[in-house]
Amino acid sequence: MSPKQNAMTYTDSYWSPLGRILLASNGTELTGLWFEGQKYFGSSLQNRYEQKNLPILKETKRWLDLYFCGSVPDFTPPLSMETTPFRKSVWELLRTIPYGQTCTYKEIALKLAAQRGLQQLSAQAVGNAVGHNAISLIIPCHRVIGADGNLTGYAGGIDKKIQLLTLEHADLSSFSLPKQKKKAQ
């Protein structure tokens, strides 16, 4: 058995204004942060995990408290991005998107292509990497929008994406908001 397979993961919950959030850690770094029920929920959890309130998880909760109070946290908990090299490079670029601002999948693809000395890179591949982000909010995938201005592609749901961008005072006036489905009467 490899050390990775034998490693213990620790979890705890955080109750946000947008619902329950599951936090995961390897004991010293944050390895996951998911809204309950989101797509790919718990995707990086190891087979063995236990609930425990560790210092790293307390620090992450402090970050979340600041964030949900409308403040820009002045620190980032230690992160461990347990993923493929490509996804990690995309997630690193996500971390550079300033609070309250947005970026398109295409812009990220162009930046990553330039870093790698390529002419272009697929915005769809970038979108896939963004969608598999295991550390939501702190790695701000909610700040990524479609090239046409559509608020698309958030694993936690478009409603949460809108609420997060609103919390950050992002200007949503130029975005195409998804049409609300009419309820049957």
C-alpha atoms as a PDB file:
ATOM      1  CA  MET A   1       0.000   0.000   0.000  1.00  0.00           C
ATOM      2  CA  SER A   2       1.432   3.397  -0.979  1.00  0.00           C
ATOM      3  CA  PRO A   3       1.739   6.161   1.653  1.00  0.00           C
ATOM      4  CA  LYS A   4      -0.975   8.105  -0.220  1.00  0.00           C
ATOM      5  CA  GLN A   5      -3.436   5.209   0.049  1.00  0.00           C
ATOM      6  CA  ASN A   6      -2.647   4.767   3.736  1.00  0.00           C
ATOM      7  CA  ALA A   7      -2.828   8.495   4.551  1.00  0.00           C
ATOM      8  CA  MET A   8      -5.541   9.707   6.865  1.00  0.00           C
ATOM      9  CA  THR A   9      -7.796  12.548   5.819  1.00  0.00           C
ATOM     10  CA  TYR A  10      -9.528  14.685   8.420  1.00  0.00           C
ATOM     11  CA  THR A  11     -12.824  16.453   7.848  1.00  0.00           C
ATOM     12  CA  ASP A  12     -15.022  19.003   9.527  1.00  0.00           C
ATOM     13  CA  SER A  13     -18.104  20.992   8.564  1.00  0.00           C
ATOM     14  CA  TYR A  14     -18.672  24.707   8.242  1.00  0.00           C
ATOM     15  CA  TRP A  15     -22.152  26.186   8.144  1.00  0.00           C
ATOM     16  CA  SER A  16     -22.133  29.063   5.649  1.00  0.00           C
ATOM     17  CA  PRO A  17     -24.974  31.397   4.641  1.00  0.00           C
ATOM     18  CA  LEU A  18     -25.134  29.296   1.435  1.00  0.00           C
ATOM     19  CA  GLY A  19     -25.306  25.929   3.172  1.00  0.00           C
ATOM     20  CA  ARG A  20     -23.042  23.308   4.692  1.00  0.00           C
ATOM     21  CA  ILE A  21     -19.432  23.145   3.515  1.00  0.00           C
ATOM     22  CA  LEU A  22     -17.237  20.096   4.005  1.00  0.00           C
ATOM     23  CA  LEU A  23     -13.570  20.786   4.768  1.00  0.00           C
ATOM     24  CA  ALA A  24     -10.840  18.176   4.314  1.00  0.00           C
ATOM     25  CA  SER A  25      -7.196  18.133   5.374  1.00  0.00           C
ATOM     26  CA  ASN A  26      -4.170  15.857   5.353  1.00  0.00           C
ATOM     27  CA  GLY A  27      -3.462  17.073   8.897  1.00  0.00           C
ATOM     28  CA  THR A  28      -1.400  20.150   8.019  1.00  0.00           C
ATOM     29  CA  GLU A  29      -2.851  21.477   4.733  1.00  0.00           C
ATOM     30  CA  LEU A  30      -6.333  21.981   3.340  1.00  0.00           C
ATOM     31  CA  THR A  31      -7.066  19.387   0.637  1.00  0.00           C
ATOM     32  CA  GLY A  32     -10.761  19.978   0.004  1.00  0.00           C
ATOM     33  CA  LEU A  33     -13.589  22.467   0.444  1.00  0.00           C
ATOM     34  CA  TRP A  34     -16.975  21.619  -1.079  1.00  0.00           C
ATOM     35  CA  PHE A  35     -20.545  22.838  -0.776  1.00  0.00           C
ATOM     36  CA  GLU A  36     -22.705  19.916   0.265  1.00  0.00           C
ATOM     37  CA  GLY A  37     -24.237  18.324  -2.800  1.00  0.00           C
ATOM     38  CA  GLN A  38     -22.055  20.062  -5.354  1.00  0.00           C
ATOM     39  CA  LYS A  39     -20.779  18.234  -8.385  1.00  0.00           C
ATOM     40  CA  TYR A  40     -17.646  16.203  -7.522  1.00  0.00           C
ATOM     41  CA  PHE A  41     -18.450  16.554  -3.796  1.00  0.00           C
ATOM     42  CA  GLY A  42     -15.644  14.969  -1.755  1.00  0.00           C
ATOM     43  CA  SER A  43     -13.723  14.031  -4.896  1.00  0.00           C
ATOM     44  CA  SER A  44     -10.293  14.129  -3.268  1.00  0.00           C
ATOM     45  CA  LEU A  45     -11.242  12.394  -0.027  1.00  0.00           C
ATOM     46  CA  GLN A  46      -9.146   9.367   0.767  1.00  0.00           C
ATOM     47  CA  ASN A  47     -10.822   6.068   1.609  1.00  0.00           C
ATOM     48  CA  ARG A  48     -10.043   6.614   5.287  1.00  0.00           C
ATOM     49  CA  TYR A  49     -11.133   9.821   6.947  1.00  0.00           C
ATOM     50  CA  GLU A  50     -12.339  10.980  10.315  1.00  0.00           C
ATOM     51  CA  GLN A  51     -13.968  14.111  11.622  1.00  0.00           C
ATOM     52  CA  LYS A  52     -11.546  16.164  13.690  1.00  0.00           C
ATOM     53  CA  ASN A  53     -11.223  19.875  14.423  1.00  0.00           C
ATOM     54  CA  LEU A  54      -7.541  20.428  13.582  1.00  0.00           C
ATOM     55  CA  PRO A  55      -5.707  23.793  13.611  1.00  0.00           C
ATOM     56  CA  ILE A  56      -5.678  23.889   9.769  1.00  0.00           C
ATOM     57  CA  LEU A  57      -9.438  23.408   9.712  1.00  0.00           C
ATOM     58  CA  LYS A  58      -9.923  26.099  12.395  1.00  0.00           C
ATOM     59  CA  GLU A  59      -7.769  28.450  10.286  1.00  0.00           C
ATOM     60  CA  THR A  60      -9.893  27.657   7.220  1.00  0.00           C
ATOM     61  CA  LYS A  61     -13.068  28.371   9.203  1.00  0.00           C
ATOM     62  CA  ARG A  62     -11.593  31.736  10.219  1.00  0.00           C
ATOM     63  CA  TRP A  63     -10.914  32.452   6.510  1.00  0.00           C
ATOM     64  CA  LEU A  64     -14.522  31.503   5.693  1.00  0.00           C
ATOM     65  CA  ASP A  65     -15.880  33.685   8.541  1.00  0.00           C
ATOM     66  CA  LEU A  66     -14.044  36.689   7.121  1.00  0.00           C
ATOM     67  CA  TYR A  67     -15.097  35.904   3.559  1.00  0.00           C
ATOM     68  CA  PHE A  68     -18.796  35.451   4.374  1.00  0.00           C
ATOM     69  CA  CYS A  69     -18.778  38.674   6.426  1.00  0.00           C
ATOM     70  CA  GLY A  70     -17.827  40.471   3.205  1.00  0.00           C
ATOM     71  CA  SER A  71     -14.147  40.967   4.038  1.00  0.00           C
ATOM     72  CA  VAL A  72     -11.196  40.024   1.889  1.00  0.00           C
ATOM     73  CA  PRO A  73      -9.220  37.538   4.007  1.00  0.00           C
ATOM     74  CA  ASP A  74      -5.621  38.708   4.439  1.00  0.00           C
ATOM     75  CA  PHE A  75      -4.212  35.176   4.588  1.00  0.00           C
ATOM     76  CA  THR A  76      -4.622  31.855   2.828  1.00  0.00           C
ATOM     77  CA  PRO A  77      -4.561  28.595   4.758  1.00  0.00           C
ATOM     78  CA  PRO A  78      -1.846  26.173   3.580  1.00  0.00           C
ATOM     79  CA  LEU A  79      -3.195  24.255   0.592  1.00  0.00           C
ATOM     80  CA  SER A  80      -2.344  20.905  -0.923  1.00  0.00           C
ATOM     81  CA  MET A  81      -3.693  20.618  -4.449  1.00  0.00           C
ATOM     82  CA  GLU A  82      -3.857  16.871  -4.907  1.00  0.00           C
ATOM     83  CA  THR A  83      -4.575  16.686  -8.618  1.00  0.00           C
ATOM     84  CA  THR A  84      -2.988  16.365 -12.042  1.00  0.00           C
ATOM     85  CA  PRO A  85      -0.235  18.799 -13.088  1.00  0.00           C
ATOM     86  CA  PHE A  86      -2.547  20.385 -15.687  1.00  0.00           C
ATOM     87  CA  ARG A  87      -5.364  20.993 -13.209  1.00  0.00           C
ATOM     88  CA  LYS A  88      -2.898  22.317 -10.654  1.00  0.00           C
ATOM     89  CA  SER A  89      -1.590  24.875 -13.169  1.00  0.00           C
ATOM     90  CA  VAL A  90      -5.161  25.990 -13.908  1.00  0.00           C
ATOM     91  CA  TRP A  91      -5.998  26.186 -10.192  1.00  0.00           C
ATOM     92  CA  GLU A  92      -2.875  28.293  -9.596  1.00  0.00           C
ATOM     93  CA  LEU A  93      -4.132  30.751 -12.229  1.00  0.00           C
ATOM     94  CA  LEU A  94      -7.544  30.832 -10.550  1.00  0.00           C
ATOM     95  CA  ARG A  95      -5.828  31.989  -7.380  1.00  0.00           C
ATOM     96  CA  THR A  96      -4.641  35.126  -9.227  1.00  0.00           C
ATOM     97  CA  ILE A  97      -8.173  36.353 -10.043  1.00  0.00           C
ATOM     98  CA  PRO A  98      -8.762  39.280  -7.677  1.00  0.00           C
ATOM     99  CA  TYR A  99     -11.669  39.375  -5.236  1.00  0.00           C
ATOM    100  CA  GLY A 100     -14.777  40.803  -6.901  1.00  0.00           C
ATOM    101  CA  GLN A 101     -13.446  40.387 -10.428  1.00  0.00           C
ATOM    102  CA  THR A 102     -13.986  37.766 -13.093  1.00  0.00           C
ATOM    103  CA  CYS A 103     -12.019  36.088 -15.857  1.00  0.00           C
ATOM    104  CA  THR A 104     -13.117  33.914 -18.781  1.00  0.00           C
ATOM    105  CA  TYR A 105     -12.141  30.323 -19.469  1.00  0.00           C
ATOM    106  CA  LYS A 106     -10.580  31.578 -22.709  1.00  0.00           C
ATOM    107  CA  GLU A 107      -8.438  34.156 -20.870  1.00  0.00           C
ATOM    108  CA  ILE A 108      -7.154  31.444 -18.540  1.00  0.00           C
ATOM    109  CA  ALA A 109      -6.438  29.189 -21.537  1.00  0.00           C
ATOM    110  CA  LEU A 110      -4.457  31.984 -23.204  1.00  0.00           C
ATOM    111  CA  LYS A 111      -2.430  32.694 -20.042  1.00  0.00           C
ATOM    112  CA  LEU A 112      -1.657  29.019 -19.549  1.00  0.00           C
ATOM    113  CA  ALA A 113      -0.721  28.603 -23.219  1.00  0.00           C
ATOM    114  CA  ALA A 114       1.673  31.552 -22.930  1.00  0.00           C
ATOM    115  CA  GLN A 115       3.239  30.043 -19.785  1.00  0.00           C
ATOM    116  CA  ARG A 116       3.806  26.796 -21.663  1.00  0.00           C
ATOM    117  CA  GLY A 117       5.063  28.426 -24.873  1.00  0.00           C
ATOM    118  CA  LEU A 118       2.032  27.264 -26.854  1.00  0.00           C
ATOM    119  CA  GLN A 119      -0.017  29.150 -29.444  1.00  0.00           C
ATOM    120  CA  GLN A 120      -3.281  28.114 -27.850  1.00  0.00           C
ATOM    121  CA  LEU A 121      -4.877  25.816 -25.344  1.00  0.00           C
ATOM    122  CA  SER A 122      -8.435  24.515 -25.210  1.00  0.00           C
ATOM    123  CA  ALA A 123     -10.796  26.644 -23.146  1.00  0.00           C
ATOM    124  CA  GLN A 124     -12.887  23.475 -22.776  1.00  0.00           C
ATOM    125  CA  ALA A 125      -9.943  21.654 -21.140  1.00  0.00           C
ATOM    126  CA  VAL A 126      -9.535  24.630 -18.818  1.00  0.00           C
ATOM    127  CA  GLY A 127     -13.264  24.491 -18.039  1.00  0.00           C
ATOM    128  CA  ASN A 128     -12.950  20.832 -17.112  1.00  0.00           C
ATOM    129  CA  ALA A 129     -10.043  21.606 -14.769  1.00  0.00           C
ATOM    130  CA  VAL A 130     -11.952  24.522 -13.222  1.00  0.00           C
ATOM    131  CA  GLY A 131     -14.992  22.304 -12.681  1.00  0.00           C
ATOM    132  CA  HIS A 132     -12.911  19.736 -10.785  1.00  0.00           C
ATOM    133  CA  ASN A 133     -11.507  22.304  -8.341  1.00  0.00           C
ATOM    134  CA  ALA A 134     -11.464  20.537  -4.973  1.00  0.00           C
ATOM    135  CA  ILE A 135     -10.873  23.683  -2.886  1.00  0.00           C
ATOM    136  CA  SER A 136     -13.815  25.954  -3.727  1.00  0.00           C
ATOM    137  CA  LEU A 137     -13.874  29.600  -2.654  1.00  0.00           C
ATOM    138  CA  ILE A 138     -10.204  29.754  -1.621  1.00  0.00           C
ATOM    139  CA  ILE A 139      -9.333  28.696  -5.171  1.00  0.00           C
ATOM    140  CA  PRO A 140     -12.009  30.990  -6.642  1.00  0.00           C
ATOM    141  CA  CYS A 141     -13.523  29.018  -9.523  1.00  0.00           C
ATOM    142  CA  HIS A 142     -16.755  31.009  -9.041  1.00  0.00           C
ATOM    143  CA  ARG A 143     -14.965  33.989 -10.628  1.00  0.00           C
ATOM    144  CA  VAL A 144     -14.688  32.279 -14.017  1.00  0.00           C
ATOM    145  CA  ILE A 145     -17.305  33.079 -16.661  1.00  0.00           C
ATOM    146  CA  GLY A 146     -18.011  32.135 -20.248  1.00  0.00           C
ATOM    147  CA  ALA A 147     -16.481  34.154 -23.097  1.00  0.00           C
ATOM    148  CA  ASP A 148     -19.954  35.380 -24.080  1.00  0.00           C
ATOM    149  CA  GLY A 149     -20.582  36.805 -20.599  1.00  0.00           C
ATOM    150  CA  ASN A 150     -22.671  33.883 -19.391  1.00  0.00           C
ATOM    151  CA  LEU A 151     -22.406  32.901 -15.753  1.00  0.00           C
ATOM    152  CA  THR A 152     -21.893  29.225 -16.450  1.00  0.00           C
ATOM    153  CA  GLY A 153     -20.120  26.219 -15.094  1.00  0.00           C
ATOM    154  CA  TYR A 154     -20.042  26.299 -11.309  1.00  0.00           C
ATOM    155  CA  ALA A 155     -20.015  22.901  -9.593  1.00  0.00           C
ATOM    156  CA  GLY A 156     -21.810  24.403  -6.577  1.00  0.00           C
ATOM    157  CA  GLY A 157     -24.633  25.670  -8.791  1.00  0.00           C
ATOM    158  CA  ILE A 158     -25.228  28.907 -10.670  1.00  0.00           C
ATOM    159  CA  ASP A 159     -27.342  30.294  -7.812  1.00  0.00           C
ATOM    160  CA  LYS A 160     -24.352  30.013  -5.448  1.00  0.00           C
ATOM    161  CA  LYS A 161     -22.039  31.518  -8.081  1.00  0.00           C
ATOM    162  CA  ILE A 162     -24.320  34.564  -8.333  1.00  0.00           C
ATOM    163  CA  GLN A 163     -24.527  34.865  -4.539  1.00  0.00           C
ATOM    164  CA  LEU A 164     -20.730  34.635  -4.171  1.00  0.00           C
ATOM    165  CA  LEU A 165     -20.085  37.249  -6.856  1.00  0.00           C
ATOM    166  CA  THR A 166     -22.745  39.470  -5.279  1.00  0.00           C
ATOM    167  CA  LEU A 167     -21.068  39.045  -1.864  1.00  0.00           C
ATOM    168  CA  GLU A 168     -17.812  40.184  -3.490  1.00  0.00           C
ATOM    169  CA  HIS A 169     -19.595  43.214  -5.012  1.00  0.00           C
ATOM    170  CA  ALA A 170     -18.738  42.081  -8.536  1.00  0.00           C
ATOM    171  CA  ASP A 171     -20.544  44.076 -11.207  1.00  0.00           C
ATOM    172  CA  LEU A 172     -23.062  41.574 -12.579  1.00  0.00           C
ATOM    173  CA  SER A 173     -24.858  44.101 -14.803  1.00  0.00           C
ATOM    174  CA  SER A 174     -23.103  43.021 -18.010  1.00  0.00           C
ATOM    175  CA  PHE A 175     -23.466  39.276 -17.437  1.00  0.00           C
ATOM    176  CA  SER A 176     -26.091  37.055 -18.975  1.00  0.00           C
ATOM    177  CA  LEU A 177     -27.867  35.558 -16.005  1.00  0.00           C
ATOM    178  CA  PRO A 178     -29.477  32.155 -16.462  1.00  0.00           C
ATOM    179  CA  LYS A 179     -33.203  32.247 -17.147  1.00  0.00           C
ATOM    180  CA  GLN A 180     -35.282  31.126 -14.204  1.00  0.00           C
ATOM    181  CA  LYS A 181     -37.496  28.127 -14.889  1.00  0.00           C
ATOM    182  CA  LYS A 182     -41.169  28.839 -14.390  1.00  0.00           C
ATOM    183  CA  LYS A 183     -42.837  26.647 -11.814  1.00  0.00           C
ATOM    184  CA  ALA A 184     -45.871  24.680 -12.898  1.00  0.00           C
ATOM    185  CA  GLN A 185     -49.044  25.963 -11.320  1.00  0.00           C
END
